[in-house]
Protein backbone atom coordinates (compact mmCIF):
# COMPACT_ATOMS: atom_id res chain seq x y z
CA MET A 1 -22.69 1.07 -11.59
CA ARG A 2 -21.41 1.74 -8.21
CA ILE A 3 -17.85 3.93 -7.90
CA TYR A 4 -15.13 1.98 -5.79
CA THR A 5 -11.96 3.35 -4.44
CA ALA A 6 -9.09 0.65 -4.96
CA HIS A 7 -6.57 0.72 -2.52
CA THR A 8 -2.96 -1.13 -2.66
CA HIS A 9 -0.51 -2.81 -0.50
CA PRO A 10 2.53 -4.21 -1.45
CA ALA A 11 2.12 -7.15 0.15
CA ARG A 12 -1.68 -7.82 0.68
CA ALA A 13 -4.42 -8.27 -1.79
CA PRO A 14 -6.27 -4.80 -3.13
CA VAL A 15 -9.19 -3.76 -1.07
CA LEU A 16 -12.32 -2.16 -2.77
CA VAL A 17 -14.48 0.77 -0.56
CA ARG A 18 -17.61 1.48 -1.91
CA GLU A 19 -18.62 5.24 -2.45
CA GLY A 20 -21.86 6.57 -0.95
CA PHE A 21 -23.94 6.23 2.12
CA SER A 22 -23.15 3.26 4.49
CA TRP A 23 -26.57 1.52 6.11
CA GLY A 24 -24.14 -0.44 7.56
CA ALA A 25 -22.31 2.01 9.04
CA ALA A 26 -25.41 3.88 10.16
CA VAL A 27 -27.33 1.20 11.73
CA PHE A 28 -24.37 -1.14 13.29
CA GLY A 29 -22.09 1.82 13.93
CA PRO A 30 -18.59 0.51 15.78
CA LEU A 31 -19.40 -3.12 14.92
CA TRP A 32 -19.28 -2.00 11.23
CA LEU A 33 -16.28 -0.37 11.87
CA PHE A 34 -14.48 -3.34 13.64
CA PHE A 35 -15.87 -5.99 10.74
CA HIS A 36 -14.10 -3.54 8.44
CA ARG A 37 -10.74 -3.57 10.74
CA ALA A 38 -11.00 0.29 11.15
CA TRP A 39 -9.53 -0.33 14.77
CA LEU A 40 -8.90 3.22 15.79
CA ALA A 41 -12.11 4.47 14.51
CA ALA A 42 -14.47 2.05 15.94
CA VAL A 43 -13.01 2.83 19.42
CA LEU A 44 -13.22 6.41 19.20
CA VAL A 45 -16.87 6.21 17.97
CA LEU A 46 -17.64 3.54 20.90
CA CYS A 47 -15.89 6.30 23.11
CA ALA A 48 -18.45 8.72 21.29
CA GLU A 49 -21.37 6.34 22.23
CA VAL A 50 -20.70 5.80 25.66
CA LEU A 51 -20.22 9.92 26.04
CA LEU A 52 -23.61 10.17 24.73
CA GLY A 53 -25.26 7.84 27.20
CA LEU A 54 -23.69 9.53 29.97
CA ILE A 55 -26.41 12.72 28.90
CA PRO A 56 -28.93 12.73 31.54
CA LEU A 57 -31.60 14.36 29.18
CA PRO A 58 -33.45 11.71 27.27
CA PRO A 59 -34.54 13.89 24.24
CA LEU A 60 -31.20 15.52 23.61
CA ARG A 61 -29.40 12.15 23.81
CA PHE A 62 -31.55 10.55 21.32
CA GLY A 63 -31.08 13.24 18.71
CA LEU A 64 -27.13 13.07 19.15
CA GLU A 65 -27.38 9.65 18.87
CA LEU A 66 -29.22 10.15 15.71
CA ALA A 67 -26.87 12.57 14.68
CA LEU A 68 -24.10 10.59 15.40
CA ALA A 69 -25.52 7.58 13.42
CA TRP A 70 -26.36 9.83 10.01
CA LEU A 71 -22.58 10.98 10.10
CA LEU A 72 -21.37 7.40 10.52
CA GLY A 73 -23.69 6.37 7.51
CA LEU A 74 -22.43 9.44 5.65
CA PHE A 75 -18.55 9.33 6.71
CA GLY A 76 -18.07 5.81 7.29
CA GLN A 77 -16.40 4.70 4.19
CA ASP A 78 -14.36 7.84 4.55
CA LEU A 79 -13.14 6.36 8.10
CA ARG A 80 -12.30 2.91 6.41
CA ARG A 81 -9.94 4.67 4.12
CA TRP A 82 -8.76 6.35 6.77
CA SER A 83 -7.73 3.09 8.57
CA LEU A 84 -6.38 1.75 5.21
CA ALA A 85 -4.18 4.48 4.64
CA ARG A 86 -2.48 4.12 8.21
CA GLN A 87 -2.04 0.52 7.71
CA GLY A 88 0.10 1.42 4.24
CA PHE A 89 -2.00 1.00 1.89
CA LEU A 90 -2.29 3.70 -1.30
CA LEU A 91 -4.79 4.82 -3.19
CA ALA A 92 -4.57 3.25 -6.58
CA HIS A 93 -7.60 3.62 -8.91
CA VAL A 94 -11.03 4.59 -8.79
CA VAL A 95 -13.28 1.92 -10.43
CA ALA A 96 -16.84 1.47 -11.35
CA GLY A 97 -18.77 -1.74 -11.51
CA ALA A 98 -22.36 -3.54 -10.95
CA ASP A 99 -20.72 -4.32 -7.85
CA ALA A 100 -17.87 -5.17 -6.20
CA ASP A 101 -16.60 -8.35 -8.20
CA ALA A 102 -17.33 -6.29 -11.26
CA ALA A 103 -14.90 -3.66 -10.10
CA LEU A 104 -12.27 -5.85 -8.79
CA ALA A 105 -12.20 -7.39 -12.39
CA ARG A 106 -12.06 -4.16 -13.83
CA LEU A 107 -9.02 -3.34 -11.24
CA LEU A 108 -7.36 -6.56 -12.50
CA ASP A 109 -8.04 -5.86 -16.11
CA ARG A 110 -6.20 -2.74 -15.99
CA ARG A 111 -3.54 -3.80 -13.21
CA PRO A 112 -2.57 -7.22 -14.43
CA ASP A 113 0.27 -7.37 -11.73
CA LEU A 114 -2.30 -7.54 -8.74
CA ALA A 115 -3.76 -10.64 -9.78
CA PRO A 116 -1.55 -12.83 -7.62
CA LEU A 117 -2.25 -10.81 -4.80
CA ALA A 118 -6.01 -10.50 -5.18
CA LEU A 119 -6.35 -14.64 -5.58
CA ARG A 120 -4.73 -14.92 -2.29
């Protein structure tokens, strides 16, 4: 079972964000954040990567880029939650499911009022 946080907005479909390490965020960095509409976080990470690219010592630069990738993997989902909160989403529930669809089904079972928004 995977754990998801459910974020709701009065006029938009609920968004589920998985808990745990994100390999997509670790490998793709700001592109992953852009894909998940975490615009400000993506720009900040992109700026950090540009600054790391200016470090003249390759071993140090590689180590810091690797550390940034690891931190993005650890905190990428939290950056998504932060971006959702900035967009007006509220943390509504914590749900578990085998995958995102099963977790959404559990959420809609518990909160049937969200069904019309989820079907958009």
